[in-house]
Structure formats: C-alpha cells, structure tokens
Amino acid sequence: MSENSTMLDSNEGIPKAKRKTFWERIWAQKDLCLLCLPFVIYILFFNYAPLSGWLMAFQKYRPGTGLFDQEWIGLENFRMLFADPNFLRVVRNTLAMSLINLTLGFVFSIGFAVLLNEVKNKHLKKIMQTVSYLPYFLSWIIVTGIVLDVLSPETGIINQLLMQFNFVDKPISFLSEPKYFWWIVGFSNVWKSTGWGSIIYLSAMSAINEELYESAEMDGASRLRKIWHITLPGIKPTIFILLLINIGNILNAGFEVQYLLGNGLVQQVSQTIDIFVLKYGISLNNYSFATAAGIFNGVISIILITLGNKLAKVAGEESLF
C-alpha cells in the first residue's frame, strides 16, 4: 500500500493533513454560528428548560413548595392515568380526530395545490390563492362561530339545503349527534388550513423542471397524466417530510375547536388529551396528574416521529434526521 493511500480516510477520502477538527470547522463558520446563537438560546430557555417541570409527574405536587421539596411517589400518577377509563376514551378521541385531520388535510391541500398549479391565468391564480388562505388567519373562536351558524337547526344553510332538496324531513342537530362531531372538526380544519397548506406544495411544484411537461405534451400526455407522472412524483419528497412532521403531532388533535364546539351531549367523543389535562388536572389543582398526561403525549409523539423517520429511510425517501 502506498504512502498516499495510507493518508486517506476510508469514509471521507480527505488527506489527514488537510482534515479539519471539529473546532476548526466551527471557527471557519463562526459568523453563521453567531447568527444562530440567539435562536439556540431561545430554544434552550423556552423549550428545554421548562422540561424540569416533568418532575412533577413523579411527585405529589403541592403549589407553594419548591420543586425538589415535594413528596416523591414514583409512577403512581401514571398508574392512575392508565387506570382511568376517561383517559383511555380521550386517547381514542384524540387519535381518531388526528387521523381524520391528517388524512383530510393532506388530500385537500395536495388536491387544491394541483388544481391551482393547472390554472394558467396568473391573476386569477393569485386571487384564488389569496382567498383560500385568508381563513387561516381567523381565530378558532370566529371559525367555530361560523360553524355554529352554518350547522344551526333553525337558520343554518346546511339544513336549509338538505330540506330544500328533500334529503331530510326535519332539521338535523349536527352538534348534538356524537356520530357527526369528529367529521365536523375535520372539515372545520380543512376549511381553515387547506389554502395555507397548499402554499408549500405550490412552492415544491414551482421547482419542477418545465421541460418535463413540454416533453410529456409532445408525447401526447393529457393533463391528468402529467399530474400523475410528473407533478405528484415531483412533490413526493415534500409530502414525506410534511407527513413525518404531522405524524409527530398525531396526539395533538387540538384544543380550541373541540372545547368550543363540544357540549354535554357529545362529551364522550369531543374531549381530547388537552381538554382532559385541563379538566381533570389543572382545574382540580392536580398538577402532577396533568403533567403525567402531558409526558405520555410527548413520549408517544417522539416514538411515532422516530418510527416514521426510520420507515422513510427504509423506503428511500426524505427523512428529518
């Protein structure tokens, strides 16, 4: 073996004499590191430092006493949590609404982005895009107010249309029927976020080489074939990345819309983990119990995003880490 070959690292292929240490690489990019430093400090202070509060889940926490001066009870809060039938029910509700939101959100956002991408008139395209993402900036209080008006048994337009076309004989009280609640939440999220979600896919579509469309058109491909064979494969990496991010939030089905639209008649299907934490934990000053539920939520989210990331790597698609 020659002297030059022994100087090469098998992984990097860089001569050892020219290889930089970790701190040398940091120093070479010191300007960028200094620019990132405020954001790193912000994340450490506001995202990681509060995690010390997780200790409350293993204590019988009482306000007014230091965090480390509490009575330690081990995993008792977690045993109580998993033995509570209410908690198991809200986990079911959270998963169901999250999966509905995830599925509808992806289908409608991608579909709307594809349709907008096919609009050739730039002015019309901008108007449609602007109108579609304006609902994203409305607060959930306003959105739920609109939903209540639209679904009202007396004056709601949905009931009026159903009765006008003889689909029903009498108005339906949608918000009093548990079987409708998950879908009402799902389509409320769709109406609010589809326009905003489509922006990311439109950006990905703009990076697709136009020559691919021209070649397909010369070969006689229709619009549907160009969408299926060029547009959708072109945004597949973006779809996978967003899917991974959303999988990590699968237990975060929301709080505001369920809390504002829920009532005693649909309580069995409307409560999520966040509402459970508020109702059975914080409102009753049982902070340890609420923290245990929050830890469960966080741990499951970490596991899901890790598994999803590994599956993406196995499939040869884009991954987060």
C-alpha atoms as a PDB file:
ATOM      1  CA  MET A   1       0.000   0.000   0.000  1.00  0.00           C
ATOM      2  CA  SER A   2       1.445   3.396  -0.984  1.00  0.00           C
ATOM      3  CA  GLU A   3       2.085   6.238   1.423  1.00  0.00           C
ATOM      4  CA  ASN A   4      -0.617   8.392  -0.183  1.00  0.00           C
ATOM      5  CA  SER A   5      -3.266   5.713   0.262  1.00  0.00           C
ATOM      6  CA  THR A   6      -2.471   5.392   3.962  1.00  0.00           C
ATOM      7  CA  MET A   7      -3.064   9.129   4.364  1.00  0.00           C
ATOM      8  CA  LEU A   8      -6.641   8.837   3.152  1.00  0.00           C
ATOM      9  CA  ASP A   9      -9.571   8.158   5.413  1.00  0.00           C
ATOM     10  CA  SER A  10     -11.811   5.375   4.101  1.00  0.00           C
ATOM     11  CA  ASN A  11     -15.003   7.294   4.883  1.00  0.00           C
ATOM     12  CA  GLU A  12     -14.176  10.811   3.793  1.00  0.00           C
ATOM     13  CA  GLY A  13     -11.393  10.388   1.273  1.00  0.00           C
ATOM     14  CA  ILE A  14      -9.663  13.513   2.637  1.00  0.00           C
ATOM     15  CA  PRO A  15      -5.928  13.554   3.439  1.00  0.00           C
ATOM     16  CA  LYS A  16      -5.352  13.580   7.182  1.00  0.00           C
ATOM     17  CA  ALA A  17      -3.014  16.533   6.895  1.00  0.00           C
ATOM     18  CA  LYS A  18      -5.811  18.630   5.417  1.00  0.00           C
ATOM     19  CA  ARG A  19      -8.604  17.339   7.618  1.00  0.00           C
ATOM     20  CA  LYS A  20     -10.077  19.950   9.984  1.00  0.00           C
ATOM     21  CA  THR A  21     -11.009  19.284  13.564  1.00  0.00           C
ATOM     22  CA  PHE A  22     -14.499  19.986  14.905  1.00  0.00           C
ATOM     23  CA  TRP A  23     -13.464  23.297  16.472  1.00  0.00           C
ATOM     24  CA  GLU A  24     -11.643  24.361  13.318  1.00  0.00           C
ATOM     25  CA  ARG A  25     -14.819  23.809  11.316  1.00  0.00           C
ATOM     26  CA  ILE A  26     -16.774  25.801  13.901  1.00  0.00           C
ATOM     27  CA  TRP A  27     -14.261  28.644  13.722  1.00  0.00           C
ATOM     28  CA  ALA A  28     -14.382  28.634   9.916  1.00  0.00           C
ATOM     29  CA  GLN A  29     -18.147  29.209  10.140  1.00  0.00           C
ATOM     30  CA  LYS A  30     -18.104  31.447  13.209  1.00  0.00           C
ATOM     31  CA  ASP A  31     -20.267  34.118  11.578  1.00  0.00           C
ATOM     32  CA  LEU A  32     -23.081  31.673  10.881  1.00  0.00           C
ATOM     33  CA  CYS A  33     -22.750  30.146  14.348  1.00  0.00           C
ATOM     34  CA  LEU A  34     -23.052  33.587  15.960  1.00  0.00           C
ATOM     35  CA  LEU A  35     -26.178  34.285  13.911  1.00  0.00           C
ATOM     36  CA  CYS A  36     -27.696  31.001  15.097  1.00  0.00           C
ATOM     37  CA  LEU A  37     -26.738  31.546  18.743  1.00  0.00           C
ATOM     38  CA  PRO A  38     -29.753  33.746  19.741  1.00  0.00           C
ATOM     39  CA  PHE A  39     -32.156  31.137  18.347  1.00  0.00           C
ATOM     40  CA  VAL A  40     -30.346  28.301  20.131  1.00  0.00           C
ATOM     41  CA  ILE A  41     -30.519  30.240  23.424  1.00  0.00           C
ATOM     42  CA  TYR A  42     -34.214  30.957  22.847  1.00  0.00           C
ATOM     43  CA  ILE A  43     -34.987  27.269  22.236  1.00  0.00           C
ATOM     44  CA  LEU A  44     -32.942  26.125  25.246  1.00  0.00           C
ATOM     45  CA  PHE A  45     -34.579  28.678  27.529  1.00  0.00           C
ATOM     46  CA  PHE A  46     -38.206  28.381  26.421  1.00  0.00           C
ATOM     47  CA  ASN A  47     -38.386  24.783  25.125  1.00  0.00           C
ATOM     48  CA  TYR A  48     -35.923  22.717  27.129  1.00  0.00           C
ATOM     49  CA  ALA A  49     -35.607  24.497  30.474  1.00  0.00           C
ATOM     50  CA  PRO A  50     -39.338  24.068  31.269  1.00  0.00           C
ATOM     51  CA  LEU A  51     -38.906  20.290  30.904  1.00  0.00           C
ATOM     52  CA  SER A  52     -37.676  20.287  34.508  1.00  0.00           C
ATOM     53  CA  GLY A  53     -41.378  20.544  35.359  1.00  0.00           C
ATOM     54  CA  TRP A  54     -41.729  16.910  34.246  1.00  0.00           C
ATOM     55  CA  LEU A  55     -40.502  16.009  37.729  1.00  0.00           C
ATOM     56  CA  MET A  56     -43.987  16.876  38.992  1.00  0.00           C
ATOM     57  CA  ALA A  57     -45.317  13.708  37.356  1.00  0.00           C
ATOM     58  CA  PHE A  58     -43.334  11.663  39.879  1.00  0.00           C
ATOM     59  CA  GLN A  59     -44.383  13.749  42.877  1.00  0.00           C
ATOM     60  CA  LYS A  60     -47.463  14.595  44.868  1.00  0.00           C
ATOM     61  CA  TYR A  61     -47.005  18.201  43.899  1.00  0.00           C
ATOM     62  CA  ARG A  62     -48.411  20.994  46.036  1.00  0.00           C
ATOM     63  CA  PRO A  63     -48.033  24.649  44.963  1.00  0.00           C
ATOM     64  CA  GLY A  64     -46.053  26.920  47.254  1.00  0.00           C
ATOM     65  CA  THR A  65     -43.275  24.412  47.879  1.00  0.00           C
ATOM     66  CA  GLY A  66     -40.029  24.031  45.987  1.00  0.00           C
ATOM     67  CA  LEU A  67     -39.914  21.532  43.141  1.00  0.00           C
ATOM     68  CA  PHE A  68     -37.347  19.383  44.921  1.00  0.00           C
ATOM     69  CA  ASP A  69     -39.097  19.581  48.299  1.00  0.00           C
ATOM     70  CA  GLN A  70     -42.210  17.662  47.210  1.00  0.00           C
ATOM     71  CA  GLU A  71     -43.325  14.179  48.226  1.00  0.00           C
ATOM     72  CA  TRP A  72     -41.997  11.649  45.704  1.00  0.00           C
ATOM     73  CA  ILE A  73     -44.486   8.930  44.707  1.00  0.00           C
ATOM     74  CA  GLY A  74     -42.767   7.306  41.729  1.00  0.00           C
ATOM     75  CA  LEU A  75     -45.055   6.069  38.953  1.00  0.00           C
ATOM     76  CA  GLU A  76     -48.283   6.345  40.931  1.00  0.00           C
ATOM     77  CA  ASN A  77     -49.657   9.154  38.748  1.00  0.00           C
ATOM     78  CA  PHE A  78     -49.077   7.059  35.641  1.00  0.00           C
ATOM     79  CA  ARG A  79     -50.849   4.062  37.208  1.00  0.00           C
ATOM     80  CA  MET A  80     -53.830   6.271  37.998  1.00  0.00           C
ATOM     81  CA  LEU A  81     -53.720   7.691  34.482  1.00  0.00           C
ATOM     82  CA  PHE A  82     -53.896   4.363  32.663  1.00  0.00           C
ATOM     83  CA  ALA A  83     -56.489   3.002  35.094  1.00  0.00           C
ATOM     84  CA  ASP A  84     -58.809   5.941  34.372  1.00  0.00           C
ATOM     85  CA  PRO A  85     -61.408   4.974  31.719  1.00  0.00           C
ATOM     86  CA  ASN A  86     -61.844   8.665  30.873  1.00  0.00           C
ATOM     87  CA  PHE A  87     -58.207   8.900  29.814  1.00  0.00           C
ATOM     88  CA  LEU A  88     -58.435   5.850  27.553  1.00  0.00           C
ATOM     89  CA  ARG A  89     -61.508   7.378  25.944  1.00  0.00           C
ATOM     90  CA  VAL A  90     -59.841  10.738  25.288  1.00  0.00           C
ATOM     91  CA  VAL A  91     -56.824   8.953  23.776  1.00  0.00           C
ATOM     92  CA  ARG A  92     -59.239   7.241  21.370  1.00  0.00           C
ATOM     93  CA  ASN A  93     -60.901  10.568  20.556  1.00  0.00           C
ATOM     94  CA  THR A  94     -57.559  12.294  20.037  1.00  0.00           C
ATOM     95  CA  LEU A  95     -56.240   9.578  17.716  1.00  0.00           C
ATOM     96  CA  ALA A  96     -59.462   9.472  15.694  1.00  0.00           C
ATOM     97  CA  MET A  97     -59.649  13.244  15.195  1.00  0.00           C
ATOM     98  CA  SER A  98     -55.908  13.473  14.465  1.00  0.00           C
ATOM     99  CA  LEU A  99     -56.109  10.789  11.777  1.00  0.00           C
ATOM    100  CA  ILE A 100     -59.163  12.460  10.221  1.00  0.00           C
ATOM    101  CA  ASN A 101     -57.437  15.860  10.281  1.00  0.00           C
ATOM    102  CA  LEU A 102     -54.240  14.358   8.858  1.00  0.00           C
ATOM    103  CA  THR A 103     -55.967  12.500   6.035  1.00  0.00           C
ATOM    104  CA  LEU A 104     -58.330  15.276   5.023  1.00  0.00           C
ATOM    105  CA  GLY A 105     -55.611  17.904   5.386  1.00  0.00           C
ATOM    106  CA  PHE A 106     -53.221  16.097   3.041  1.00  0.00           C
ATOM    107  CA  VAL A 107     -55.851  15.166   0.460  1.00  0.00           C
ATOM    108  CA  PHE A 108     -57.407  18.635   0.237  1.00  0.00           C
ATOM    109  CA  SER A 109     -54.110  20.585   0.427  1.00  0.00           C
ATOM    110  CA  ILE A 110     -52.427  18.496  -2.269  1.00  0.00           C
ATOM    111  CA  GLY A 111     -55.553  18.421  -4.425  1.00  0.00           C
ATOM    112  CA  PHE A 112     -56.084  22.170  -4.182  1.00  0.00           C
ATOM    113  CA  ALA A 113     -52.401  22.854  -4.901  1.00  0.00           C
ATOM    114  CA  VAL A 114     -52.538  20.642  -8.010  1.00  0.00           C
ATOM    115  CA  LEU A 115     -55.661  22.436  -9.254  1.00  0.00           C
ATOM    116  CA  LEU A 116     -54.124  25.863  -8.661  1.00  0.00           C
ATOM    117  CA  ASN A 117     -50.956  24.777 -10.441  1.00  0.00           C
ATOM    118  CA  GLU A 118     -53.028  23.972 -13.525  1.00  0.00           C
ATOM    119  CA  VAL A 119     -54.570  27.467 -13.646  1.00  0.00           C
ATOM    120  CA  LYS A 120     -52.760  29.316 -16.424  1.00  0.00           C
ATOM    121  CA  ASN A 121     -54.142  32.816 -15.775  1.00  0.00           C
ATOM    122  CA  LYS A 122     -51.690  34.289 -13.241  1.00  0.00           C
ATOM    123  CA  HIS A 123     -54.051  36.987 -11.964  1.00  0.00           C
ATOM    124  CA  LEU A 124     -56.873  34.503 -11.391  1.00  0.00           C
ATOM    125  CA  LYS A 125     -54.427  32.115  -9.732  1.00  0.00           C
ATOM    126  CA  LYS A 126     -53.237  34.788  -7.285  1.00  0.00           C
ATOM    127  CA  ILE A 127     -56.803  35.809  -6.418  1.00  0.00           C
ATOM    128  CA  MET A 128     -57.842  32.195  -5.761  1.00  0.00           C
ATOM    129  CA  GLN A 129     -54.758  31.544  -3.669  1.00  0.00           C
ATOM    130  CA  THR A 130     -55.233  34.692  -1.592  1.00  0.00           C
ATOM    131  CA  VAL A 131     -58.920  33.993  -0.943  1.00  0.00           C
ATOM    132  CA  SER A 132     -58.178  30.380   0.001  1.00  0.00           C
ATOM    133  CA  TYR A 133     -55.590  31.084   2.689  1.00  0.00           C
ATOM    134  CA  LEU A 134     -57.322  34.056   4.357  1.00  0.00           C
ATOM    135  CA  PRO A 135     -59.345  31.739   6.700  1.00  0.00           C
ATOM    136  CA  TYR A 136     -56.039  30.572   8.184  1.00  0.00           C
ATOM    137  CA  PHE A 137     -55.680  33.952   9.905  1.00  0.00           C
ATOM    138  CA  LEU A 138     -59.068  33.755  11.606  1.00  0.00           C
ATOM    139  CA  SER A 139     -59.078  32.707  15.255  1.00  0.00           C
ATOM    140  CA  TRP A 140     -60.831  29.488  16.202  1.00  0.00           C
ATOM    141  CA  ILE A 141     -63.443  31.489  18.113  1.00  0.00           C
ATOM    142  CA  ILE A 142     -64.553  33.127  14.852  1.00  0.00           C
ATOM    143  CA  VAL A 143     -64.343  29.844  12.936  1.00  0.00           C
ATOM    144  CA  THR A 144     -66.438  27.942  15.488  1.00  0.00           C
ATOM    145  CA  GLY A 145     -68.967  30.792  15.429  1.00  0.00           C
ATOM    146  CA  ILE A 146     -69.256  30.366  11.654  1.00  0.00           C
ATOM    147  CA  VAL A 147     -69.592  26.583  12.064  1.00  0.00           C
ATOM    148  CA  LEU A 148     -72.370  27.038  14.641  1.00  0.00           C
ATOM    149  CA  ASP A 149     -74.259  29.363  12.282  1.00  0.00           C
ATOM    150  CA  VAL A 150     -73.822  27.091   9.250  1.00  0.00           C
ATOM    151  CA  LEU A 151     -74.965  23.964  11.138  1.00  0.00           C
ATOM    152  CA  SER A 152     -77.762  25.614  13.123  1.00  0.00           C
ATOM    153  CA  PRO A 153     -81.006  23.553  13.022  1.00  0.00           C
ATOM    154  CA  GLU A 154     -83.097  26.730  12.691  1.00  0.00           C
ATOM    155  CA  THR A 155     -81.161  29.033  10.374  1.00  0.00           C
ATOM    156  CA  GLY A 156     -78.168  27.001   9.190  1.00  0.00           C
ATOM    157  CA  ILE A 157     -77.625  26.881   5.439  1.00  0.00           C
ATOM    158  CA  ILE A 158     -76.737  23.158   5.516  1.00  0.00           C
ATOM    159  CA  ASN A 159     -80.112  22.196   6.981  1.00  0.00           C
ATOM    160  CA  GLN A 160     -81.915  24.554   4.626  1.00  0.00           C
ATOM    161  CA  LEU A 161     -80.264  22.945   1.591  1.00  0.00           C
ATOM    162  CA  LEU A 162     -80.927  19.417   2.862  1.00  0.00           C
ATOM    163  CA  MET A 163     -84.612  20.208   3.362  1.00  0.00           C
ATOM    164  CA  GLN A 164     -84.885  22.149   0.108  1.00  0.00           C
ATOM    165  CA  PHE A 165     -83.717  19.135  -1.900  1.00  0.00           C
ATOM    166  CA  ASN A 166     -85.747  16.700   0.247  1.00  0.00           C
ATOM    167  CA  PHE A 167     -82.761  14.840   1.651  1.00  0.00           C
ATOM    168  CA  VAL A 168     -84.226  15.113   5.160  1.00  0.00           C
ATOM    169  CA  ASP A 169     -87.718  15.692   6.541  1.00  0.00           C
ATOM    170  CA  LYS A 170     -86.669  17.785   9.522  1.00  0.00           C
ATOM    171  CA  PRO A 171     -83.538  19.750  10.503  1.00  0.00           C
ATOM    172  CA  ILE A 172     -80.588  17.803  11.915  1.00  0.00           C
ATOM    173  CA  SER A 173     -78.955  18.961  15.128  1.00  0.00           C
ATOM    174  CA  PHE A 174     -75.431  18.162  13.982  1.00  0.00           C
ATOM    175  CA  LEU A 175     -73.683  19.318  17.157  1.00  0.00           C
ATOM    176  CA  SER A 176     -75.934  17.168  19.332  1.00  0.00           C
ATOM    177  CA  GLU A 177     -75.126  13.932  17.496  1.00  0.00           C
ATOM    178  CA  PRO A 178     -71.844  12.238  18.527  1.00  0.00           C
ATOM    179  CA  LYS A 179     -71.514  10.477  15.151  1.00  0.00           C
ATOM    180  CA  TYR A 180     -71.056  13.808  13.359  1.00  0.00           C
ATOM    181  CA  PHE A 181     -68.642  15.520  15.744  1.00  0.00           C
ATOM    182  CA  TRP A 182     -65.290  14.122  14.524  1.00  0.00           C
ATOM    183  CA  TRP A 183     -66.150  14.940  10.914  1.00  0.00           C
ATOM    184  CA  ILE A 184     -67.301  18.454  11.819  1.00  0.00           C
ATOM    185  CA  VAL A 185     -63.917  19.037  13.465  1.00  0.00           C
ATOM    186  CA  GLY A 186     -62.125  17.524  10.458  1.00  0.00           C
ATOM    187  CA  PHE A 187     -63.846  19.673   7.846  1.00  0.00           C
ATOM    188  CA  SER A 188     -63.522  22.773  10.036  1.00  0.00           C
ATOM    189  CA  ASN A 189     -59.758  22.220   9.970  1.00  0.00           C
ATOM    190  CA  VAL A 190     -59.885  21.669   6.217  1.00  0.00           C
ATOM    191  CA  TRP A 191     -61.750  24.940   5.624  1.00  0.00           C
ATOM    192  CA  LYS A 192     -59.323  26.849   7.815  1.00  0.00           C
ATOM    193  CA  SER A 193     -55.982  25.393   6.738  1.00  0.00           C
ATOM    194  CA  THR A 194     -56.250  23.999   3.190  1.00  0.00           C
ATOM    195  CA  GLY A 195     -55.269  27.243   1.482  1.00  0.00           C
ATOM    196  CA  TRP A 196     -52.290  27.799   3.747  1.00  0.00           C
ATOM    197  CA  GLY A 197     -51.161  24.178   3.474  1.00  0.00           C
ATOM    198  CA  SER A 198     -51.273  24.298  -0.320  1.00  0.00           C
ATOM    199  CA  ILE A 199     -48.625  27.049  -0.395  1.00  0.00           C
ATOM    200  CA  ILE A 200     -45.860  24.585   0.484  1.00  0.00           C
ATOM    201  CA  TYR A 201     -46.892  22.183  -2.281  1.00  0.00           C
ATOM    202  CA  LEU A 202     -47.167  25.018  -4.804  1.00  0.00           C
ATOM    203  CA  SER A 203     -43.621  26.043  -3.916  1.00  0.00           C
ATOM    204  CA  ALA A 204     -42.429  22.480  -4.490  1.00  0.00           C
ATOM    205  CA  MET A 205     -44.267  22.351  -7.826  1.00  0.00           C
ATOM    206  CA  SER A 206     -42.573  25.547  -8.975  1.00  0.00           C
ATOM    207  CA  ALA A 207     -39.205  23.751  -8.701  1.00  0.00           C
ATOM    208  CA  ILE A 208     -40.226  21.022 -11.172  1.00  0.00           C
ATOM    209  CA  ASN A 209     -38.426  21.346 -14.486  1.00  0.00           C
ATOM    210  CA  GLU A 210     -40.818  22.757 -17.113  1.00  0.00           C
ATOM    211  CA  GLU A 211     -39.059  20.728 -19.806  1.00  0.00           C
ATOM    212  CA  LEU A 212     -40.619  17.589 -18.325  1.00  0.00           C
ATOM    213  CA  TYR A 213     -44.091  18.972 -19.014  1.00  0.00           C
ATOM    214  CA  GLU A 214     -43.073  20.038 -22.524  1.00  0.00           C
ATOM    215  CA  SER A 215     -41.675  16.587 -23.295  1.00  0.00           C
ATOM    216  CA  ALA A 216     -44.796  14.906 -21.954  1.00  0.00           C
ATOM    217  CA  GLU A 217     -47.008  17.214 -24.025  1.00  0.00           C
ATOM    218  CA  MET A 218     -45.023  16.393 -27.167  1.00  0.00           C
ATOM    219  CA  ASP A 219     -45.620  12.699 -26.416  1.00  0.00           C
ATOM    220  CA  GLY A 220     -49.357  13.375 -26.263  1.00  0.00           C
ATOM    221  CA  ALA A 221     -49.808  13.154 -22.491  1.00  0.00           C
ATOM    222  CA  SER A 222     -53.045  14.593 -21.136  1.00  0.00           C
ATOM    223  CA  ARG A 223     -53.216  16.937 -18.145  1.00  0.00           C
ATOM    224  CA  LEU A 224     -54.154  14.093 -15.831  1.00  0.00           C
ATOM    225  CA  ARG A 225     -51.183  12.020 -16.974  1.00  0.00           C
ATOM    226  CA  LYS A 226     -48.819  14.954 -16.493  1.00  0.00           C
ATOM    227  CA  ILE A 227     -50.174  15.442 -12.981  1.00  0.00           C
ATOM    228  CA  TRP A 228     -49.840  11.727 -12.157  1.00  0.00           C
ATOM    229  CA  HIS A 229     -46.421  11.112 -13.701  1.00  0.00           C
ATOM    230  CA  ILE A 230     -44.671  14.477 -13.215  1.00  0.00           C
ATOM    231  CA  THR A 231     -46.347  16.745 -10.651  1.00  0.00           C
ATOM    232  CA  LEU A 232     -47.055  14.220  -7.886  1.00  0.00           C
ATOM    233  CA  PRO A 233     -43.657  12.434  -8.131  1.00  0.00           C
ATOM    234  CA  GLY A 234     -42.001  15.869  -8.156  1.00  0.00           C
ATOM    235  CA  ILE A 235     -43.512  16.843  -4.800  1.00  0.00           C
ATOM    236  CA  LYS A 236     -43.159  13.392  -3.200  1.00  0.00           C
ATOM    237  CA  PRO A 237     -40.163  14.419  -1.005  1.00  0.00           C
ATOM    238  CA  THR A 238     -42.168  17.381   0.314  1.00  0.00           C
ATOM    239  CA  ILE A 239     -45.143  15.128   1.027  1.00  0.00           C
ATOM    240  CA  PHE A 240     -42.962  12.734   3.037  1.00  0.00           C
ATOM    241  CA  ILE A 241     -41.331  15.497   5.080  1.00  0.00           C
ATOM    242  CA  LEU A 242     -44.685  17.063   5.974  1.00  0.00           C
ATOM    243  CA  LEU A 243     -46.117  13.630   6.728  1.00  0.00           C
ATOM    244  CA  LEU A 244     -43.276  12.941   9.173  1.00  0.00           C
ATOM    245  CA  ILE A 245     -43.804  16.273  10.908  1.00  0.00           C
ATOM    246  CA  ASN A 246     -47.544  15.656  11.207  1.00  0.00           C
ATOM    247  CA  ILE A 247     -47.038  12.114  12.492  1.00  0.00           C
ATOM    248  CA  GLY A 248     -45.116  13.640  15.398  1.00  0.00           C
ATOM    249  CA  ASN A 249     -48.206  15.728  16.191  1.00  0.00           C
ATOM    250  CA  ILE A 250     -50.663  12.847  15.930  1.00  0.00           C
ATOM    251  CA  LEU A 251     -51.714  13.239  19.577  1.00  0.00           C
ATOM    252  CA  ASN A 252     -52.155  16.992  19.223  1.00  0.00           C
ATOM    253  CA  ALA A 253     -55.633  16.960  17.708  1.00  0.00           C
ATOM    254  CA  GLY A 254     -56.310  20.440  19.012  1.00  0.00           C
ATOM    255  CA  PHE A 255     -57.985  22.130  21.921  1.00  0.00           C
ATOM    256  CA  GLU A 256     -59.915  25.222  20.865  1.00  0.00           C
ATOM    257  CA  VAL A 257     -62.273  23.732  18.281  1.00  0.00           C
ATOM    258  CA  GLN A 258     -63.187  20.717  20.442  1.00  0.00           C
ATOM    259  CA  TYR A 259     -63.574  22.862  23.543  1.00  0.00           C
ATOM    260  CA  LEU A 260     -65.731  25.479  21.806  1.00  0.00           C
ATOM    261  CA  LEU A 261     -67.925  23.097  19.800  1.00  0.00           C
ATOM    262  CA  GLY A 262     -68.234  20.435  22.485  1.00  0.00           C
ATOM    263  CA  ASN A 263     -71.207  20.131  24.826  1.00  0.00           C
ATOM    264  CA  GLY A 264     -72.678  17.631  27.256  1.00  0.00           C
ATOM    265  CA  LEU A 265     -74.401  15.646  24.503  1.00  0.00           C
ATOM    266  CA  VAL A 266     -71.154  14.912  22.633  1.00  0.00           C
ATOM    267  CA  GLN A 267     -68.792  14.855  25.607  1.00  0.00           C
ATOM    268  CA  GLN A 268     -67.900  11.195  25.065  1.00  0.00           C
ATOM    269  CA  VAL A 269     -66.389  11.950  21.640  1.00  0.00           C
ATOM    270  CA  SER A 270     -65.336  15.598  21.935  1.00  0.00           C
ATOM    271  CA  GLN A 271     -62.740  15.533  24.726  1.00  0.00           C
ATOM    272  CA  THR A 272     -59.081  15.326  23.737  1.00  0.00           C
ATOM    273  CA  ILE A 273     -55.967  14.842  25.855  1.00  0.00           C
ATOM    274  CA  ASP A 274     -55.517  18.607  26.179  1.00  0.00           C
ATOM    275  CA  ILE A 275     -59.072  19.041  27.464  1.00  0.00           C
ATOM    276  CA  PHE A 276     -58.558  16.088  29.821  1.00  0.00           C
ATOM    277  CA  VAL A 277     -55.418  17.758  31.224  1.00  0.00           C
ATOM    278  CA  LEU A 278     -57.348  20.999  31.794  1.00  0.00           C
ATOM    279  CA  LYS A 279     -60.470  19.383  33.268  1.00  0.00           C
ATOM    280  CA  TYR A 280     -59.043  16.622  35.454  1.00  0.00           C
ATOM    281  CA  GLY A 281     -55.634  18.095  36.176  1.00  0.00           C
ATOM    282  CA  ILE A 282     -55.185  21.847  36.194  1.00  0.00           C
ATOM    283  CA  SER A 283     -58.796  22.755  37.109  1.00  0.00           C
ATOM    284  CA  LEU A 284     -58.631  20.409  40.130  1.00  0.00           C
ATOM    285  CA  ASN A 285     -55.125  21.629  41.093  1.00  0.00           C
ATOM    286  CA  ASN A 286     -53.823  18.122  40.417  1.00  0.00           C
ATOM    287  CA  TYR A 287     -50.742  19.313  38.559  1.00  0.00           C
ATOM    288  CA  SER A 288     -48.900  16.002  38.929  1.00  0.00           C
ATOM    289  CA  PHE A 289     -51.697  14.115  37.181  1.00  0.00           C
ATOM    290  CA  ALA A 290     -51.813  16.707  34.382  1.00  0.00           C
ATOM    291  CA  THR A 291     -48.042  16.509  33.946  1.00  0.00           C
ATOM    292  CA  ALA A 292     -48.177  12.715  33.678  1.00  0.00           C
ATOM    293  CA  ALA A 293     -50.737  13.015  30.867  1.00  0.00           C
ATOM    294  CA  GLY A 294     -48.532  15.584  29.136  1.00  0.00           C
ATOM    295  CA  ILE A 295     -45.486  13.311  29.376  1.00  0.00           C
ATOM    296  CA  PHE A 296     -47.481  10.449  27.852  1.00  0.00           C
ATOM    297  CA  ASN A 297     -48.418  12.731  24.961  1.00  0.00           C
ATOM    298  CA  GLY A 298     -44.815  13.825  24.410  1.00  0.00           C
ATOM    299  CA  VAL A 299     -43.266  10.348  24.633  1.00  0.00           C
ATOM    300  CA  ILE A 300     -45.752   8.840  22.170  1.00  0.00           C
ATOM    301  CA  SER A 301     -45.091  11.716  19.749  1.00  0.00           C
ATOM    302  CA  ILE A 302     -41.315  11.139  19.945  1.00  0.00           C
ATOM    303  CA  ILE A 303     -41.765   7.402  19.340  1.00  0.00           C
ATOM    304  CA  LEU A 304     -44.056   7.980  16.357  1.00  0.00           C
ATOM    305  CA  ILE A 305     -41.801  10.504  14.649  1.00  0.00           C
ATOM    306  CA  THR A 306     -38.749   8.262  15.209  1.00  0.00           C
ATOM    307  CA  LEU A 307     -40.516   5.235  13.711  1.00  0.00           C
ATOM    308  CA  GLY A 308     -41.824   7.324  10.828  1.00  0.00           C
ATOM    309  CA  ASN A 309     -38.337   8.663  10.140  1.00  0.00           C
ATOM    310  CA  LYS A 310     -36.864   5.138  10.070  1.00  0.00           C
ATOM    311  CA  LEU A 311     -39.608   3.912   7.740  1.00  0.00           C
ATOM    312  CA  ALA A 312     -38.915   6.840   5.403  1.00  0.00           C
ATOM    313  CA  LYS A 313     -35.221   5.906   5.320  1.00  0.00           C
ATOM    314  CA  VAL A 314     -36.058   2.266   4.598  1.00  0.00           C
ATOM    315  CA  ALA A 315     -38.328   3.389   1.757  1.00  0.00           C
ATOM    316  CA  GLY A 316     -35.520   5.563   0.379  1.00  0.00           C
ATOM    317  CA  GLU A 317     -37.450   8.789   0.878  1.00  0.00           C
ATOM    318  CA  GLU A 318     -36.589  12.088   2.561  1.00  0.00           C
ATOM    319  CA  SER A 319     -36.189  11.947   6.335  1.00  0.00           C
ATOM    320  CA  LEU A 320     -35.869  14.520   9.110  1.00  0.00           C
ATOM    321  CA  PHE A 321     -32.716  13.102  10.742  1.00  0.00           C
END
